[in-house]
C-alpha atoms as a PDB file:
ATOM      1  CA  MET A   1      -4.769 113.503  34.459  1.00  0.00           C
ATOM      2  CA  ARG A   2      -7.078 114.316  37.240  1.00  0.00           C
ATOM      3  CA  VAL A   3      -4.214 114.428  39.855  1.00  0.00           C
ATOM      4  CA  TRP A   4      -2.041 116.475  37.880  1.00  0.00           C
ATOM      5  CA  LEU A   5      -4.793 118.849  37.143  1.00  0.00           C
ATOM      6  CA  SER A   6      -5.268 119.243  40.897  1.00  0.00           C
ATOM      7  CA  ARG A   7      -1.526 119.655  41.659  1.00  0.00           C
ATOM      8  CA  LEU A   8      -1.445 122.341  38.706  1.00  0.00           C
ATOM      9  CA  THR A   9      -4.517 124.098  40.039  1.00  0.00           C
ATOM     10  CA  THR A  10      -2.676 124.120  43.864  1.00  0.00           C
ATOM     11  CA  PHE A  11       0.401 125.414  42.367  1.00  0.00           C
ATOM     12  CA  SER A  12      -1.176 128.221  40.420  1.00  0.00           C
ATOM     13  CA  VAL A  13      -3.751 129.468  43.221  1.00  0.00           C
ATOM     14  CA  VAL A  14      -1.106 129.486  45.777  1.00  0.00           C
ATOM     15  CA  ALA A  15       1.412 131.234  43.535  1.00  0.00           C
ATOM     16  CA  VAL A  16      -1.008 133.997  42.481  1.00  0.00           C
ATOM     17  CA  LEU A  17      -2.468 134.429  45.819  1.00  0.00           C
ATOM     18  CA  SER A  18       1.234 134.897  47.376  1.00  0.00           C
ATOM     19  CA  LEU A  19       2.181 137.133  44.443  1.00  0.00           C
ATOM     20  CA  LEU A  20      -0.881 139.400  44.985  1.00  0.00           C
ATOM     21  CA  LEU A  21      -0.555 139.613  48.751  1.00  0.00           C
ATOM     22  CA  LEU A  22       3.245 140.299  48.341  1.00  0.00           C
ATOM     23  CA  VAL A  23       2.515 143.427  45.990  1.00  0.00           C
ATOM     24  CA  LEU A  24      -0.308 144.528  48.020  1.00  0.00           C
ATOM     25  CA  TYR A  25       2.157 146.420  50.399  1.00  0.00           C
ATOM     26  CA  PRO A  26       5.298 147.513  48.598  1.00  0.00           C
ATOM     27  CA  PHE A  27       7.989 146.137  50.781  1.00  0.00           C
ATOM     28  CA  TYR A  28       9.785 143.590  48.538  1.00  0.00           C
ATOM     29  CA  PRO A  29      11.009 144.165  45.028  1.00  0.00           C
ATOM     30  CA  LEU A  30       8.743 142.893  42.257  1.00  0.00           C
ATOM     31  CA  TYR A  31      11.155 140.467  41.070  1.00  0.00           C
ATOM     32  CA  ILE A  32      11.479 139.144  44.832  1.00  0.00           C
ATOM     33  CA  ALA A  33       7.850 138.901  45.060  1.00  0.00           C
ATOM     34  CA  ALA A  34       7.561 136.763  41.950  1.00  0.00           C
ATOM     35  CA  ILE A  35      10.228 134.519  43.072  1.00  0.00           C
ATOM     36  CA  LEU A  36       8.739 134.030  46.711  1.00  0.00           C
ATOM     37  CA  GLY A  37       5.374 133.628  44.686  1.00  0.00           C
ATOM     38  CA  LEU A  38       6.737 130.731  42.598  1.00  0.00           C
ATOM     39  CA  VAL A  39       8.426 129.161  45.641  1.00  0.00           C
ATOM     40  CA  LEU A  40       5.330 129.225  47.595  1.00  0.00           C
ATOM     41  CA  GLY A  41       3.538 127.623  44.713  1.00  0.00           C
ATOM     42  CA  ALA A  42       6.279 124.860  44.513  1.00  0.00           C
ATOM     43  CA  LEU A  43       5.997 124.459  48.171  1.00  0.00           C
ATOM     44  CA  ALA A  44       2.200 124.294  48.183  1.00  0.00           C
ATOM     45  CA  LEU A  45       2.449 121.078  45.933  1.00  0.00           C
ATOM     46  CA  GLU A  46       3.657 119.044  48.936  1.00  0.00           C
ATOM     47  CA  LEU A  47       2.533 121.552  52.247  1.00  0.00           C
ATOM     48  CA  PRO A  48      -0.378 123.640  50.897  1.00  0.00           C
ATOM     49  CA  LEU A  49      -0.998 124.716  54.625  1.00  0.00           C
ATOM     50  CA  VAL A  50       2.333 125.760  55.351  1.00  0.00           C
ATOM     51  CA  SER A  51       2.907 127.728  52.131  1.00  0.00           C
ATOM     52  CA  LEU A  52      -0.231 129.479  52.502  1.00  0.00           C
ATOM     53  CA  PHE A  53       0.654 130.547  56.109  1.00  0.00           C
ATOM     54  CA  LEU A  54       4.077 131.692  54.842  1.00  0.00           C
ATOM     55  CA  ALA A  55       2.024 133.573  52.052  1.00  0.00           C
ATOM     56  CA  VAL A  56       0.017 135.378  54.669  1.00  0.00           C
ATOM     57  CA  LEU A  57       2.939 135.942  56.976  1.00  0.00           C
ATOM     58  CA  LEU A  58       5.383 137.421  54.550  1.00  0.00           C
ATOM     59  CA  PRO A  59       3.027 140.513  53.589  1.00  0.00           C
ATOM     60  CA  ALA A  60       2.636 141.472  57.291  1.00  0.00           C
ATOM     61  CA  PHE A  61       6.159 142.703  57.168  1.00  0.00           C
ATOM     62  CA  GLY A  62       5.183 145.025  54.285  1.00  0.00           C
ATOM     63  CA  ALA A  63       2.337 146.247  56.167  1.00  0.00           C
ATOM     64  CA  MET A  64       4.098 146.845  59.202  1.00  0.00           C
ATOM     65  CA  TYR A  65       6.783 148.732  57.312  1.00  0.00           C
ATOM     66  CA  GLN A  66       3.835 151.139  56.126  1.00  0.00           C
ATOM     67  CA  ASP A  67       2.235 151.711  59.313  1.00  0.00           C
ATOM     68  CA  PRO A  68       2.556 149.640  62.432  1.00  0.00           C
ATOM     69  CA  TYR A  69      -1.296 149.634  63.264  1.00  0.00           C
ATOM     70  CA  VAL A  70      -2.311 148.434  59.955  1.00  0.00           C
ATOM     71  CA  GLY A  71       0.399 145.766  60.035  1.00  0.00           C
ATOM     72  CA  LEU A  72      -0.318 144.506  63.420  1.00  0.00           C
ATOM     73  CA  THR A  73      -4.269 144.364  62.488  1.00  0.00           C
ATOM     74  CA  TYR A  74      -3.315 142.638  59.118  1.00  0.00           C
ATOM     75  CA  PHE A  75      -1.221 139.985  61.419  1.00  0.00           C
ATOM     76  CA  ALA A  76      -3.798 139.589  63.918  1.00  0.00           C
ATOM     77  CA  VAL A  77      -6.448 138.854  61.275  1.00  0.00           C
ATOM     78  CA  ALA A  78      -4.582 136.741  59.162  1.00  0.00           C
ATOM     79  CA  LEU A  79      -3.299 134.659  62.086  1.00  0.00           C
ATOM     80  CA  SER A  80      -6.837 134.437  63.453  1.00  0.00           C
ATOM     81  CA  CYS A  81      -8.039 133.333  59.856  1.00  0.00           C
ATOM     82  CA  LEU A  82      -5.323 130.692  59.811  1.00  0.00           C
ATOM     83  CA  ALA A  83      -6.100 129.196  63.285  1.00  0.00           C
ATOM     84  CA  LEU A  84      -9.737 128.884  62.722  1.00  0.00           C
ATOM     85  CA  VAL A  85      -9.801 127.052  59.277  1.00  0.00           C
ATOM     86  CA  HIS A  86      -7.829 123.811  58.797  1.00  0.00           C
ATOM     87  CA  VAL A  87      -8.627 123.208  55.171  1.00  0.00           C
ATOM     88  CA  TRP A  88      -6.274 125.005  52.902  1.00  0.00           C
ATOM     89  CA  THR A  89      -8.987 125.692  50.259  1.00  0.00           C
ATOM     90  CA  GLU A  90     -11.079 127.728  52.491  1.00  0.00           C
ATOM     91  CA  VAL A  91      -8.251 129.782  53.448  1.00  0.00           C
ATOM     92  CA  ALA A  92      -7.341 130.622  49.854  1.00  0.00           C
ATOM     93  CA  LEU A  93     -10.704 131.426  49.114  1.00  0.00           C
ATOM     94  CA  VAL A  94     -10.899 133.882  52.179  1.00  0.00           C
END
């Protein structure tokens, strides 16, 4: 029961986080953002750090589309956060 609850929590945290980040800068249509959120949540069941890396990397394209300087700043901050933190739960909380 405890393992199942942990996996469900991992899926839901990554799916909701990636959906919120993908909707932050409107680059992807809403249904694509929802599908990507579910795919990244499913990927988080096996590889949580890789899925969070992709969840933070994909909205960078939308930020760069809106304004190149904001996008590069977002990308640099996101990359530095992911480089400095090794536990995926700390990345999710940041």
